[in-house]
Amino acid sequence: MRIITIMFIFLISFIFADIKNVKLPYDLSKLNLTKIQKQKLKKAIINYRKKLNSLHTKEEIIEYKVQKEFLKDFEYRNLLKEKIEVKKKLIENEFEFLKQLHTILNKTQRKKFIKQLKEWEIE
């Protein structure tokens, strides 16, 4: 659960940004990324955000179905399965992004990034 919260904080700066004009958050600018790393990271962020938006849309649709079904007999089992599957995909997407981030950053940058993660946990 903490990882989801951390990623939410990490990505909050991207939510309102234009997909073509992705800006790195301030915390990542402290990592002294090379130009190639920045390009790779921006691509990874764009892909992550696209999947994230799609999954959030699916989640909203399920919530709407739950509200409709709640007014009836509330046969929730299929909706529960759908919601669990979306949550699973959200987590998989998050870890896929972290894996990409891991391959982009060098060992020193990863150490700096870990320190930033600890700071975010406190907030």
PDB file of N, CA and C in Angstrom:
ATOM      1  N   MET A   1       0.823  -1.193   0.000  1.00  0.00           N
ATOM      2  CA  MET A   1       0.000   0.000   0.000  1.00  0.00           C
ATOM      3  C   MET A   1       0.870   1.261   0.000  1.00  0.00           C
ATOM      4  N   ARG A   2       1.981   1.203   0.721  1.00  0.00           N
ATOM      5  CA  ARG A   2       2.879   2.355   0.751  1.00  0.00           C
ATOM      6  C   ARG A   2       3.429   2.656  -0.629  1.00  0.00           C
ATOM      7  N   ILE A   3       3.738   1.591  -1.360  1.00  0.00           N
ATOM      8  CA  ILE A   3       4.317   1.783  -2.700  1.00  0.00           C
ATOM      9  C   ILE A   3       3.311   2.507  -3.583  1.00  0.00           C
ATOM     10  N   ILE A   4       2.047   2.150  -3.494  1.00  0.00           N
ATOM     11  CA  ILE A   4       1.023   2.821  -4.293  1.00  0.00           C
ATOM     12  C   ILE A   4       0.945   4.292  -3.913  1.00  0.00           C
ATOM     13  N   THR A   5       0.985   4.574  -2.633  1.00  0.00           N
ATOM     14  CA  THR A   5       0.968   5.957  -2.168  1.00  0.00           C
ATOM     15  C   THR A   5       2.192   6.714  -2.664  1.00  0.00           C
ATOM     16  N   ILE A   6       3.337   6.073  -2.590  1.00  0.00           N
ATOM     17  CA  ILE A   6       4.575   6.709  -3.040  1.00  0.00           C
ATOM     18  C   ILE A   6       4.507   7.004  -4.529  1.00  0.00           C
ATOM     19  N   MET A   7       4.047   6.034  -5.294  1.00  0.00           N
ATOM     20  CA  MET A   7       3.949   6.246  -6.742  1.00  0.00           C
ATOM     21  C   MET A   7       2.917   7.330  -7.056  1.00  0.00           C
ATOM     22  N   PHE A   8       1.864   7.387  -6.275  1.00  0.00           N
ATOM     23  CA  PHE A   8       0.880   8.444  -6.486  1.00  0.00           C
ATOM     24  C   PHE A   8       1.524   9.809  -6.288  1.00  0.00           C
ATOM     25  N   ILE A   9       2.285   9.942  -5.227  1.00  0.00           N
ATOM     26  CA  ILE A   9       2.980  11.203  -4.962  1.00  0.00           C
ATOM     27  C   ILE A   9       3.974  11.490  -6.072  1.00  0.00           C
ATOM     28  N   PHE A  10       4.685  10.470  -6.478  1.00  0.00           N
ATOM     29  CA  PHE A  10       5.682  10.600  -7.534  1.00  0.00           C
ATOM     30  C   PHE A  10       5.045  11.070  -8.845  1.00  0.00           C
ATOM     31  N   LEU A  11       3.864  10.572  -9.132  1.00  0.00           N
ATOM     32  CA  LEU A  11       3.242  10.865 -10.420  1.00  0.00           C
ATOM     33  C   LEU A  11       2.245  12.020 -10.398  1.00  0.00           C
ATOM     34  N   ILE A  12       1.967  12.578  -9.243  1.00  0.00           N
ATOM     35  CA  ILE A  12       0.989  13.651  -9.144  1.00  0.00           C
ATOM     36  C   ILE A  12       1.376  14.842 -10.012  1.00  0.00           C
ATOM     37  N   SER A  13       2.683  15.057 -10.145  1.00  0.00           N
ATOM     38  CA  SER A  13       3.134  16.180 -10.959  1.00  0.00           C
ATOM     39  C   SER A  13       2.884  15.936 -12.440  1.00  0.00           C
ATOM     40  N   PHE A  14       2.662  14.689 -12.820  1.00  0.00           N
ATOM     41  CA  PHE A  14       2.448  14.374 -14.230  1.00  0.00           C
ATOM     42  C   PHE A  14       0.980  14.386 -14.634  1.00  0.00           C
ATOM     43  N   ILE A  15       0.099  14.280 -13.693  1.00  0.00           N
ATOM     44  CA  ILE A  15      -1.314  14.113 -14.005  1.00  0.00           C
ATOM     45  C   ILE A  15      -1.849  15.266 -14.837  1.00  0.00           C
ATOM     46  N   PHE A  16      -1.434  16.480 -14.506  1.00  0.00           N
ATOM     47  CA  PHE A  16      -1.960  17.636 -15.201  1.00  0.00           C
ATOM     48  C   PHE A  16      -1.073  18.076 -16.358  1.00  0.00           C
ATOM     49  N   ALA A  17       0.024  17.377 -16.576  1.00  0.00           N
ATOM     50  CA  ALA A  17       0.942  17.744 -17.661  1.00  0.00           C
ATOM     51  C   ALA A  17       0.454  17.169 -18.979  1.00  0.00           C
ATOM     52  N   ASP A  18       0.795  17.824 -20.041  1.00  0.00           N
ATOM     53  CA  ASP A  18       0.491  17.332 -21.373  1.00  0.00           C
ATOM     54  C   ASP A  18       1.355  16.106 -21.635  1.00  0.00           C
ATOM     55  N   ILE A  19       0.786  15.043 -22.202  1.00  0.00           N
ATOM     56  CA  ILE A  19       1.522  13.808 -22.421  1.00  0.00           C
ATOM     57  C   ILE A  19       2.754  14.040 -23.291  1.00  0.00           C
ATOM     58  N   LYS A  20       2.668  14.881 -24.302  1.00  0.00           N
ATOM     59  CA  LYS A  20       3.802  15.138 -25.184  1.00  0.00           C
ATOM     60  C   LYS A  20       4.861  15.991 -24.499  1.00  0.00           C
ATOM     61  N   ASN A  21       4.483  16.703 -23.471  1.00  0.00           N
ATOM     62  CA  ASN A  21       5.381  17.637 -22.810  1.00  0.00           C
ATOM     63  C   ASN A  21       5.624  17.211 -21.362  1.00  0.00           C
ATOM     64  N   VAL A  22       6.088  15.979 -21.185  1.00  0.00           N
ATOM     65  CA  VAL A  22       6.299  15.445 -19.853  1.00  0.00           C
ATOM     66  C   VAL A  22       7.504  16.119 -19.213  1.00  0.00           C
ATOM     67  N   LYS A  23       7.320  16.564 -17.994  1.00  0.00           N
ATOM     68  CA  LYS A  23       8.411  17.176 -17.246  1.00  0.00           C
ATOM     69  C   LYS A  23       8.758  16.260 -16.081  1.00  0.00           C
ATOM     70  N   LEU A  24      10.038  16.171 -15.797  1.00  0.00           N
ATOM     71  CA  LEU A  24      10.474  15.342 -14.679  1.00  0.00           C
ATOM     72  C   LEU A  24      10.178  16.067 -13.375  1.00  0.00           C
ATOM     73  N   PRO A  25       9.750  15.337 -12.352  1.00  0.00           N
ATOM     74  CA  PRO A  25       9.524  15.987 -11.071  1.00  0.00           C
ATOM     75  C   PRO A  25      10.835  16.501 -10.488  1.00  0.00           C
ATOM     76  N   TYR A  26      10.709  17.470  -9.639  1.00  0.00           N
ATOM     77  CA  TYR A  26      11.875  18.117  -9.036  1.00  0.00           C
ATOM     78  C   TYR A  26      12.808  17.097  -8.382  1.00  0.00           C
ATOM     79  N   ASP A  27      12.243  16.127  -7.697  1.00  0.00           N
ATOM     80  CA  ASP A  27      13.066  15.143  -6.998  1.00  0.00           C
ATOM     81  C   ASP A  27      13.962  14.358  -7.960  1.00  0.00           C
ATOM     82  N   LEU A  28      13.479  14.077  -9.150  1.00  0.00           N
ATOM     83  CA  LEU A  28      14.292  13.348 -10.115  1.00  0.00           C
ATOM     84  C   LEU A  28      15.360  14.227 -10.730  1.00  0.00           C
ATOM     85  N   SER A  29      15.151  15.517 -10.722  1.00  0.00           N
ATOM     86  CA  SER A  29      16.163  16.408 -11.278  1.00  0.00           C
ATOM     87  C   SER A  29      17.434  16.381 -10.423  1.00  0.00           C
ATOM     88  N   LYS A  30      17.322  15.982  -9.182  1.00  0.00           N
ATOM     89  CA  LYS A  30      18.478  15.881  -8.283  1.00  0.00           C
ATOM     90  C   LYS A  30      19.356  14.668  -8.608  1.00  0.00           C
ATOM     91  N   LEU A  31      18.888  13.808  -9.487  1.00  0.00           N
ATOM     92  CA  LEU A  31      19.624  12.589  -9.799  1.00  0.00           C
ATOM     93  C   LEU A  31      20.690  12.792 -10.869  1.00  0.00           C
ATOM     94  N   ASN A  32      20.783  13.996 -11.415  1.00  0.00           N
ATOM     95  CA  ASN A  32      21.767  14.299 -12.460  1.00  0.00           C
ATOM     96  C   ASN A  32      21.663  13.320 -13.633  1.00  0.00           C
ATOM     97  N   LEU A  33      20.468  13.226 -14.196  1.00  0.00           N
ATOM     98  CA  LEU A  33      20.232  12.322 -15.309  1.00  0.00           C
ATOM     99  C   LEU A  33      20.920  12.823 -16.573  1.00  0.00           C
ATOM    100  N   THR A  34      21.389  11.879 -17.378  1.00  0.00           N
ATOM    101  CA  THR A  34      21.949  12.246 -18.675  1.00  0.00           C
ATOM    102  C   THR A  34      20.792  12.522 -19.626  1.00  0.00           C
ATOM    103  N   LYS A  35      21.111  13.075 -20.769  1.00  0.00           N
ATOM    104  CA  LYS A  35      20.072  13.373 -21.764  1.00  0.00           C
ATOM    105  C   LYS A  35      19.361  12.100 -22.217  1.00  0.00           C
ATOM    106  N   ILE A  36      20.126  11.047 -22.413  1.00  0.00           N
ATOM    107  CA  ILE A  36      19.544   9.763 -22.834  1.00  0.00           C
ATOM    108  C   ILE A  36      18.638   9.199 -21.738  1.00  0.00           C
ATOM    109  N   GLN A  37      19.082   9.289 -20.481  1.00  0.00           N
ATOM    110  CA  GLN A  37      18.258   8.816 -19.364  1.00  0.00           C
ATOM    111  C   GLN A  37      16.944   9.590 -19.290  1.00  0.00           C
ATOM    112  N   LYS A  38      17.016  10.897 -19.487  1.00  0.00           N
ATOM    113  CA  LYS A  38      15.797  11.721 -19.453  1.00  0.00           C
ATOM    114  C   LYS A  38      14.829  11.288 -20.542  1.00  0.00           C
ATOM    115  N   GLN A  39      15.351  11.032 -21.733  1.00  0.00           N
ATOM    116  CA  GLN A  39      14.491  10.605 -22.835  1.00  0.00           C
ATOM    117  C   GLN A  39      13.835   9.263 -22.526  1.00  0.00           C
ATOM    118  N   LYS A  40      14.631   8.328 -22.034  1.00  0.00           N
ATOM    119  CA  LYS A  40      14.088   7.005 -21.691  1.00  0.00           C
ATOM    120  C   LYS A  40      13.052   7.108 -20.581  1.00  0.00           C
ATOM    121  N   LEU A  41      13.345   7.936 -19.599  1.00  0.00           N
ATOM    122  CA  LEU A  41      12.422   8.102 -18.476  1.00  0.00           C
ATOM    123  C   LEU A  41      11.117   8.738 -18.929  1.00  0.00           C
ATOM    124  N   LYS A  42      11.208   9.719 -19.796  1.00  0.00           N
ATOM    125  CA  LYS A  42       9.990  10.352 -20.306  1.00  0.00           C
ATOM    126  C   LYS A  42       9.124   9.351 -21.063  1.00  0.00           C
ATOM    127  N   LYS A  43       9.749   8.495 -21.870  1.00  0.00           N
ATOM    128  CA  LYS A  43       8.990   7.460 -22.593  1.00  0.00           C
ATOM    129  C   LYS A  43       8.322   6.503 -21.609  1.00  0.00           C
ATOM    130  N   ALA A  44       9.076   6.110 -20.582  1.00  0.00           N
ATOM    131  CA  ALA A  44       8.527   5.195 -19.576  1.00  0.00           C
ATOM    132  C   ALA A  44       7.352   5.844 -18.842  1.00  0.00           C
ATOM    133  N   ILE A  45       7.484   7.117 -18.532  1.00  0.00           N
ATOM    134  CA  ILE A  45       6.416   7.835 -17.831  1.00  0.00           C
ATOM    135  C   ILE A  45       5.179   7.947 -18.716  1.00  0.00           C
ATOM    136  N   ILE A  46       5.386   8.249 -19.983  1.00  0.00           N
ATOM    137  CA  ILE A  46       4.251   8.362 -20.917  1.00  0.00           C
ATOM    138  C   ILE A  46       3.508   7.034 -20.994  1.00  0.00           C
ATOM    139  N   ASN A  47       4.241   5.930 -21.160  1.00  0.00           N
ATOM    140  CA  ASN A  47       3.603   4.609 -21.224  1.00  0.00           C
ATOM    141  C   ASN A  47       2.884   4.276 -19.928  1.00  0.00           C
ATOM    142  N   TYR A  48       3.530   4.578 -18.810  1.00  0.00           N
ATOM    143  CA  TYR A  48       2.917   4.315 -17.510  1.00  0.00           C
ATOM    144  C   TYR A  48       1.615   5.097 -17.355  1.00  0.00           C
ATOM    145  N   ARG A  49       1.661   6.371 -17.711  1.00  0.00           N
ATOM    146  CA  ARG A  49       0.471   7.222 -17.565  1.00  0.00           C
ATOM    147  C   ARG A  49      -0.670   6.775 -18.462  1.00  0.00           C
ATOM    148  N   LYS A  50      -0.345   6.366 -19.685  1.00  0.00           N
ATOM    149  CA  LYS A  50      -1.397   5.894 -20.590  1.00  0.00           C
ATOM    150  C   LYS A  50      -2.105   4.682 -20.001  1.00  0.00           C
ATOM    151  N   LYS A  51      -1.316   3.717 -19.514  1.00  0.00           N
ATOM    152  CA  LYS A  51      -1.902   2.521 -18.907  1.00  0.00           C
ATOM    153  C   LYS A  51      -2.684   2.881 -17.650  1.00  0.00           C
ATOM    154  N   LEU A  52      -2.118   3.789 -16.859  1.00  0.00           N
ATOM    155  CA  LEU A  52      -2.763   4.218 -15.623  1.00  0.00           C
ATOM    156  C   LEU A  52      -4.115   4.862 -15.911  1.00  0.00           C
ATOM    157  N   ASN A  53      -4.156   5.755 -16.886  1.00  0.00           N
ATOM    158  CA  ASN A  53      -5.418   6.414 -17.244  1.00  0.00           C
ATOM    159  C   ASN A  53      -6.447   5.403 -17.722  1.00  0.00           C
ATOM    160  N   SER A  54      -6.015   4.454 -18.535  1.00  0.00           N
ATOM    161  CA  SER A  54      -6.921   3.420 -19.027  1.00  0.00           C
ATOM    162  C   SER A  54      -7.485   2.589 -17.880  1.00  0.00           C
ATOM    163  N   LEU A  55      -6.630   2.212 -16.951  1.00  0.00           N
ATOM    164  CA  LEU A  55      -7.077   1.401 -15.820  1.00  0.00           C
ATOM    165  C   LEU A  55      -7.986   2.190 -14.884  1.00  0.00           C
ATOM    166  N   HIS A  56      -7.709   3.459 -14.704  1.00  0.00           N
ATOM    167  CA  HIS A  56      -8.596   4.278 -13.870  1.00  0.00           C
ATOM    168  C   HIS A  56      -9.964   4.438 -14.526  1.00  0.00           C
ATOM    169  N   THR A  57      -9.997   4.523 -15.836  1.00  0.00           N
ATOM    170  CA  THR A  57     -11.269   4.589 -16.552  1.00  0.00           C
ATOM    171  C   THR A  57     -12.058   3.300 -16.328  1.00  0.00           C
ATOM    172  N   LYS A  58     -11.380   2.161 -16.438  1.00  0.00           N
ATOM    173  CA  LYS A  58     -12.037   0.876 -16.185  1.00  0.00           C
ATOM    174  C   LYS A  58     -12.562   0.807 -14.752  1.00  0.00           C
ATOM    175  N   GLU A  59     -11.778   1.326 -13.818  1.00  0.00           N
ATOM    176  CA  GLU A  59     -12.184   1.328 -12.417  1.00  0.00           C
ATOM    177  C   GLU A  59     -13.439   2.181 -12.210  1.00  0.00           C
ATOM    178  N   GLU A  60     -13.499   3.317 -12.874  1.00  0.00           N
ATOM    179  CA  GLU A  60     -14.683   4.180 -12.776  1.00  0.00           C
ATOM    180  C   GLU A  60     -15.916   3.491 -13.349  1.00  0.00           C
ATOM    181  N   ILE A  61     -15.734   2.767 -14.434  1.00  0.00           N
ATOM    182  CA  ILE A  61     -16.852   2.035 -15.039  1.00  0.00           C
ATOM    183  C   ILE A  61     -17.368   0.975 -14.071  1.00  0.00           C
ATOM    184  N   ILE A  62     -16.462   0.290 -13.424  1.00  0.00           N
ATOM    185  CA  ILE A  62     -16.864  -0.728 -12.439  1.00  0.00           C
ATOM    186  C   ILE A  62     -17.614  -0.079 -11.282  1.00  0.00           C
ATOM    187  N   GLU A  63     -17.132   1.059 -10.822  1.00  0.00           N
ATOM    188  CA  GLU A  63     -17.813   1.771  -9.733  1.00  0.00           C
ATOM    189  C   GLU A  63     -19.241   2.151 -10.142  1.00  0.00           C
ATOM    190  N   TYR A  64     -19.391   2.577 -11.373  1.00  0.00           N
ATOM    191  CA  TYR A  64     -20.726   2.911 -11.875  1.00  0.00           C
ATOM    192  C   TYR A  64     -21.607   1.660 -11.882  1.00  0.00           C
ATOM    193  N   LYS A  65     -21.047   0.537 -12.325  1.00  0.00           N
ATOM    194  CA  LYS A  65     -21.796  -0.726 -12.334  1.00  0.00           C
ATOM    195  C   LYS A  65     -22.203  -1.126 -10.917  1.00  0.00           C
ATOM    196  N   VAL A  66     -21.305  -0.916  -9.974  1.00  0.00           N
ATOM    197  CA  VAL A  66     -21.602  -1.240  -8.570  1.00  0.00           C
ATOM    198  C   VAL A  66     -22.782  -0.407  -8.082  1.00  0.00           C
ATOM    199  N   GLN A  67     -22.769   0.870  -8.411  1.00  0.00           N
ATOM    200  CA  GLN A  67     -23.874   1.740  -7.995  1.00  0.00           C
ATOM    201  C   GLN A  67     -25.191   1.291  -8.612  1.00  0.00           C
ATOM    202  N   LYS A  68     -25.157   0.932  -9.884  1.00  0.00           N
ATOM    203  CA  LYS A  68     -26.384   0.454 -10.540  1.00  0.00           C
ATOM    204  C   LYS A  68     -26.860  -0.851  -9.928  1.00  0.00           C
ATOM    205  N   GLU A  69     -25.925  -1.761  -9.712  1.00  0.00           N
ATOM    206  CA  GLU A  69     -26.261  -3.069  -9.176  1.00  0.00           C
ATOM    207  C   GLU A  69     -26.732  -2.981  -7.727  1.00  0.00           C
ATOM    208  N   PHE A  70     -26.212  -2.030  -6.994  1.00  0.00           N
ATOM    209  CA  PHE A  70     -26.597  -1.864  -5.594  1.00  0.00           C
ATOM    210  C   PHE A  70     -28.084  -1.549  -5.460  1.00  0.00           C
ATOM    211  N   LEU A  71     -28.630  -0.895  -6.441  1.00  0.00           N
ATOM    212  CA  LEU A  71     -30.051  -0.560  -6.416  1.00  0.00           C
ATOM    213  C   LEU A  71     -30.930  -1.771  -6.733  1.00  0.00           C
ATOM    214  N   LYS A  72     -30.307  -2.813  -7.260  1.00  0.00           N
ATOM    215  CA  LYS A  72     -31.052  -4.037  -7.600  1.00  0.00           C
ATOM    216  C   LYS A  72     -30.793  -5.095  -6.527  1.00  0.00           C
ATOM    217  N   ASP A  73     -30.566  -6.321  -6.969  1.00  0.00           N
ATOM    218  CA  ASP A  73     -30.332  -7.441  -6.053  1.00  0.00           C
ATOM    219  C   ASP A  73     -28.891  -7.510  -5.555  1.00  0.00           C
ATOM    220  N   PHE A  74     -28.029  -6.734  -6.121  1.00  0.00           N
ATOM    221  CA  PHE A  74     -26.606  -6.649  -5.781  1.00  0.00           C
ATOM    222  C   PHE A  74     -25.902  -7.994  -5.908  1.00  0.00           C
ATOM    223  N   GLU A  75     -25.848  -8.464  -7.129  1.00  0.00           N
ATOM    224  CA  GLU A  75     -25.028  -9.629  -7.459  1.00  0.00           C
ATOM    225  C   GLU A  75     -23.610  -9.115  -7.688  1.00  0.00           C
ATOM    226  N   TYR A  76     -22.815  -9.181  -6.655  1.00  0.00           N
ATOM    227  CA  TYR A  76     -21.525  -8.495  -6.660  1.00  0.00           C
ATOM    228  C   TYR A  76     -20.339  -9.347  -7.116  1.00  0.00           C
ATOM    229  N   ARG A  77     -20.478 -10.625  -7.231  1.00  0.00           N
ATOM    230  CA  ARG A  77     -19.319 -11.499  -7.477  1.00  0.00           C
ATOM    231  C   ARG A  77     -18.574 -11.161  -8.763  1.00  0.00           C
ATOM    232  N   ASN A  78     -19.276 -10.955  -9.856  1.00  0.00           N
ATOM    233  CA  ASN A  78     -18.607 -10.608 -11.108  1.00  0.00           C
ATOM    234  C   ASN A  78     -17.941  -9.237 -11.008  1.00  0.00           C
ATOM    235  N   LEU A  79     -18.611  -8.322 -10.351  1.00  0.00           N
ATOM    236  CA  LEU A  79     -18.034  -6.992 -10.172  1.00  0.00           C
ATOM    237  C   LEU A  79     -16.790  -7.051  -9.288  1.00  0.00           C
ATOM    238  N   LEU A  80     -16.837  -7.885  -8.289  1.00  0.00           N
ATOM    239  CA  LEU A  80     -15.688  -8.068  -7.411  1.00  0.00           C
ATOM    240  C   LEU A  80     -14.495  -8.608  -8.206  1.00  0.00           C
ATOM    241  N   LYS A  81     -14.741  -9.596  -9.041  1.00  0.00           N
ATOM    242  CA  LYS A  81     -13.675 -10.155  -9.877  1.00  0.00           C
ATOM    243  C   LYS A  81     -13.096  -9.095 -10.810  1.00  0.00           C
ATOM    244  N   GLU A  82     -13.966  -8.301 -11.416  1.00  0.00           N
ATOM    245  CA  GLU A  82     -13.510  -7.235 -12.313  1.00  0.00           C
ATOM    246  C   GLU A  82     -12.645  -6.221 -11.565  1.00  0.00           C
ATOM    247  N   LYS A  83     -13.103  -5.823 -10.388  1.00  0.00           N
ATOM    248  CA  LYS A  83     -12.377  -4.822  -9.608  1.00  0.00           C
ATOM    249  C   LYS A  83     -11.023  -5.363  -9.153  1.00  0.00           C
ATOM    250  N   ILE A  84     -10.977  -6.600  -8.718  1.00  0.00           N
ATOM    251  CA  ILE A  84      -9.721  -7.215  -8.294  1.00  0.00           C
ATOM    252  C   ILE A  84      -8.756  -7.277  -9.473  1.00  0.00           C
ATOM    253  N   GLU A  85      -9.251  -7.610 -10.638  1.00  0.00           N
ATOM    254  CA  GLU A  85      -8.403  -7.686 -11.825  1.00  0.00           C
ATOM    255  C   GLU A  85      -7.818  -6.318 -12.181  1.00  0.00           C
ATOM    256  N   VAL A  86      -8.619  -5.280 -12.084  1.00  0.00           N
ATOM    257  CA  VAL A  86      -8.121  -3.923 -12.365  1.00  0.00           C
ATOM    258  C   VAL A  86      -7.068  -3.526 -11.333  1.00  0.00           C
ATOM    259  N   LYS A  87      -7.324  -3.802 -10.068  1.00  0.00           N
ATOM    260  CA  LYS A  87      -6.343  -3.482  -9.014  1.00  0.00           C
ATOM    261  C   LYS A  87      -5.030  -4.236  -9.261  1.00  0.00           C
ATOM    262  N   LYS A  88      -5.153  -5.486  -9.651  1.00  0.00           N
ATOM    263  CA  LYS A  88      -3.967  -6.294  -9.949  1.00  0.00           C
ATOM    264  C   LYS A  88      -3.176  -5.670 -11.100  1.00  0.00           C
ATOM    265  N   LYS A  89      -3.867  -5.230 -12.133  1.00  0.00           N
ATOM    266  CA  LYS A  89      -3.201  -4.604 -13.274  1.00  0.00           C
ATOM    267  C   LYS A  89      -2.566  -3.263 -12.896  1.00  0.00           C
ATOM    268  N   LEU A  90      -3.200  -2.522 -11.997  1.00  0.00           N
ATOM    269  CA  LEU A  90      -2.611  -1.273 -11.512  1.00  0.00           C
ATOM    270  C   LEU A  90      -1.281  -1.537 -10.803  1.00  0.00           C
ATOM    271  N   ILE A  91      -1.263  -2.548  -9.972  1.00  0.00           N
ATOM    272  CA  ILE A  91      -0.040  -2.897  -9.248  1.00  0.00           C
ATOM    273  C   ILE A  91       1.023  -3.405 -10.214  1.00  0.00           C
ATOM    274  N   GLU A  92       0.632  -4.248 -11.167  1.00  0.00           N
ATOM    275  CA  GLU A  92       1.583  -4.747 -12.157  1.00  0.00           C
ATOM    276  C   GLU A  92       2.172  -3.599 -12.972  1.00  0.00           C
ATOM    277  N   ASN A  93       1.336  -2.655 -13.341  1.00  0.00           N
ATOM    278  CA  ASN A  93       1.792  -1.488 -14.104  1.00  0.00           C
ATOM    279  C   ASN A  93       2.799  -0.680 -13.298  1.00  0.00           C
ATOM    280  N   GLU A  94       2.519  -0.510 -12.025  1.00  0.00           N
ATOM    281  CA  GLU A  94       3.418   0.229 -11.142  1.00  0.00           C
ATOM    282  C   GLU A  94       4.792  -0.439 -11.060  1.00  0.00           C
ATOM    283  N   PHE A  95       4.794  -1.754 -10.873  1.00  0.00           N
ATOM    284  CA  PHE A  95       6.066  -2.459 -10.748  1.00  0.00           C
ATOM    285  C   PHE A  95       6.794  -2.553 -12.084  1.00  0.00           C
ATOM    286  N   GLU A  96       6.057  -2.592 -13.164  1.00  0.00           N
ATOM    287  CA  GLU A  96       6.678  -2.552 -14.485  1.00  0.00           C
ATOM    288  C   GLU A  96       7.406  -1.221 -14.671  1.00  0.00           C
ATOM    289  N   PHE A  97       6.769  -0.149 -14.225  1.00  0.00           N
ATOM    290  CA  PHE A  97       7.400   1.171 -14.307  1.00  0.00           C
ATOM    291  C   PHE A  97       8.648   1.228 -13.425  1.00  0.00           C
ATOM    292  N   LEU A  98       8.550   0.700 -12.201  1.00  0.00           N
ATOM    293  CA  LEU A  98       9.711   0.687 -11.308  1.00  0.00           C
ATOM    294  C   LEU A  98      10.857  -0.132 -11.908  1.00  0.00           C
ATOM    295  N   LYS A  99      10.517  -1.227 -12.574  1.00  0.00           N
ATOM    296  CA  LYS A  99      11.536  -2.047 -13.227  1.00  0.00           C
ATOM    297  C   LYS A  99      12.230  -1.248 -14.335  1.00  0.00           C
ATOM    298  N   GLN A 100      11.447  -0.514 -15.114  1.00  0.00           N
ATOM    299  CA  GLN A 100      12.026   0.333 -16.156  1.00  0.00           C
ATOM    300  C   GLN A 100      12.906   1.412 -15.544  1.00  0.00           C
ATOM    301  N   LEU A 101      12.438   2.013 -14.472  1.00  0.00           N
ATOM    302  CA  LEU A 101      13.208   3.044 -13.791  1.00  0.00           C
ATOM    303  C   LEU A 101      14.532   2.464 -13.280  1.00  0.00           C
ATOM    304  N   HIS A 102      14.471   1.259 -12.771  1.00  0.00           N
ATOM    305  CA  HIS A 102      15.668   0.580 -12.279  1.00  0.00           C
ATOM    306  C   HIS A 102      16.692   0.391 -13.398  1.00  0.00           C
ATOM    307  N   THR A 103      16.247   0.033 -14.581  1.00  0.00           N
ATOM    308  CA  THR A 103      17.186  -0.177 -15.692  1.00  0.00           C
ATOM    309  C   THR A 103      17.735   1.139 -16.231  1.00  0.00           C
ATOM    310  N   ILE A 104      16.995   2.214 -16.069  1.00  0.00           N
ATOM    311  CA  ILE A 104      17.431   3.524 -16.578  1.00  0.00           C
ATOM    312  C   ILE A 104      18.481   4.150 -15.662  1.00  0.00           C
ATOM    313  N   LEU A 105      18.280   4.015 -14.369  1.00  0.00           N
ATOM    314  CA  LEU A 105      19.171   4.652 -13.394  1.00  0.00           C
ATOM    315  C   LEU A 105      20.405   3.789 -13.138  1.00  0.00           C
ATOM    316  N   ASN A 106      21.519   4.459 -12.879  1.00  0.00           N
ATOM    317  CA  ASN A 106      22.708   3.713 -12.470  1.00  0.00           C
ATOM    318  C   ASN A 106      22.656   3.495 -10.958  1.00  0.00           C
ATOM    319  N   LYS A 107      23.645   2.788 -10.432  1.00  0.00           N
ATOM    320  CA  LYS A 107      23.629   2.409  -9.017  1.00  0.00           C
ATOM    321  C   LYS A 107      23.600   3.627  -8.090  1.00  0.00           C
ATOM    322  N   THR A 108      24.392   4.643  -8.394  1.00  0.00           N
ATOM    323  CA  THR A 108      24.431   5.858  -7.571  1.00  0.00           C
ATOM    324  C   THR A 108      23.091   6.580  -7.604  1.00  0.00           C
ATOM    325  N   GLN A 109      22.494   6.665  -8.767  1.00  0.00           N
ATOM    326  CA  GLN A 109      21.198   7.331  -8.904  1.00  0.00           C
ATOM    327  C   GLN A 109      20.111   6.561  -8.164  1.00  0.00           C
ATOM    328  N   ARG A 110      20.202   5.242  -8.197  1.00  0.00           N
ATOM    329  CA  ARG A 110      19.227   4.426  -7.465  1.00  0.00           C
ATOM    330  C   ARG A 110      19.313   4.686  -5.969  1.00  0.00           C
ATOM    331  N   LYS A 111      20.543   4.816  -5.468  1.00  0.00           N
ATOM    332  CA  LYS A 111      20.725   5.101  -4.038  1.00  0.00           C
ATOM    333  C   LYS A 111      20.092   6.444  -3.679  1.00  0.00           C
ATOM    334  N   LYS A 112      20.294   7.453  -4.516  1.00  0.00           N
ATOM    335  CA  LYS A 112      19.689   8.764  -4.275  1.00  0.00           C
ATOM    336  C   LYS A 112      18.167   8.667  -4.350  1.00  0.00           C
ATOM    337  N   PHE A 113      17.689   7.904  -5.298  1.00  0.00           N
ATOM    338  CA  PHE A 113      16.243   7.746  -5.462  1.00  0.00           C
ATOM    339  C   PHE A 113      15.630   7.060  -4.245  1.00  0.00           C
ATOM    340  N   ILE A 114      16.309   6.072  -3.705  1.00  0.00           N
ATOM    341  CA  ILE A 114      15.818   5.381  -2.509  1.00  0.00           C
ATOM    342  C   ILE A 114      15.689   6.353  -1.343  1.00  0.00           C
ATOM    343  N   LYS A 115      16.666   7.235  -1.182  1.00  0.00           N
ATOM    344  CA  LYS A 115      16.604   8.231  -0.111  1.00  0.00           C
ATOM    345  C   LYS A 115      15.389   9.128  -0.281  1.00  0.00           C
ATOM    346  N   GLN A 116      15.083   9.472  -1.516  1.00  0.00           N
ATOM    347  CA  GLN A 116      13.909  10.311  -1.785  1.00  0.00           C
ATOM    348  C   GLN A 116      12.632   9.553  -1.455  1.00  0.00           C
ATOM    349  N   LEU A 117      12.605   8.265  -1.739  1.00  0.00           N
ATOM    350  CA  LEU A 117      11.428   7.461  -1.399  1.00  0.00           C
ATOM    351  C   LEU A 117      11.187   7.472   0.102  1.00  0.00           C
ATOM    352  N   LYS A 118      12.251   7.381   0.876  1.00  0.00           N
ATOM    353  CA  LYS A 118      12.109   7.403   2.334  1.00  0.00           C
ATOM    354  C   LYS A 118      11.548   8.748   2.799  1.00  0.00           C
ATOM    355  N   GLU A 119      11.994   9.837   2.184  1.00  0.00           N
ATOM    356  CA  GLU A 119      11.464  11.154   2.526  1.00  0.00           C
ATOM    357  C   GLU A 119       9.983  11.242   2.219  1.00  0.00           C
ATOM    358  N   TRP A 120       9.567  10.669   1.110  1.00  0.00           N
ATOM    359  CA  TRP A 120       8.153  10.704   0.727  1.00  0.00           C
ATOM    360  C   TRP A 120       7.306   9.905   1.704  1.00  0.00           C
ATOM    361  N   GLU A 121       7.839   8.826   2.257  1.00  0.00           N
ATOM    362  CA  GLU A 121       7.086   8.018   3.211  1.00  0.00           C
ATOM    363  C   GLU A 121       6.767   8.813   4.468  1.00  0.00           C
ATOM    364  N   ILE A 122       7.656   9.689   4.875  1.00  0.00           N
ATOM    365  CA  ILE A 122       7.450  10.491   6.079  1.00  0.00           C
ATOM    366  C   ILE A 122       6.294  11.453   5.872  1.00  0.00           C
ATOM    367  N   GLU A 123       6.211  12.048   4.688  1.00  0.00           N
ATOM    368  CA  GLU A 123       5.149  13.008   4.396  1.00  0.00           C
ATOM    369  C   GLU A 123       3.865  12.299   4.271  1.00  0.00           C
TER     370      GLU A 123
END
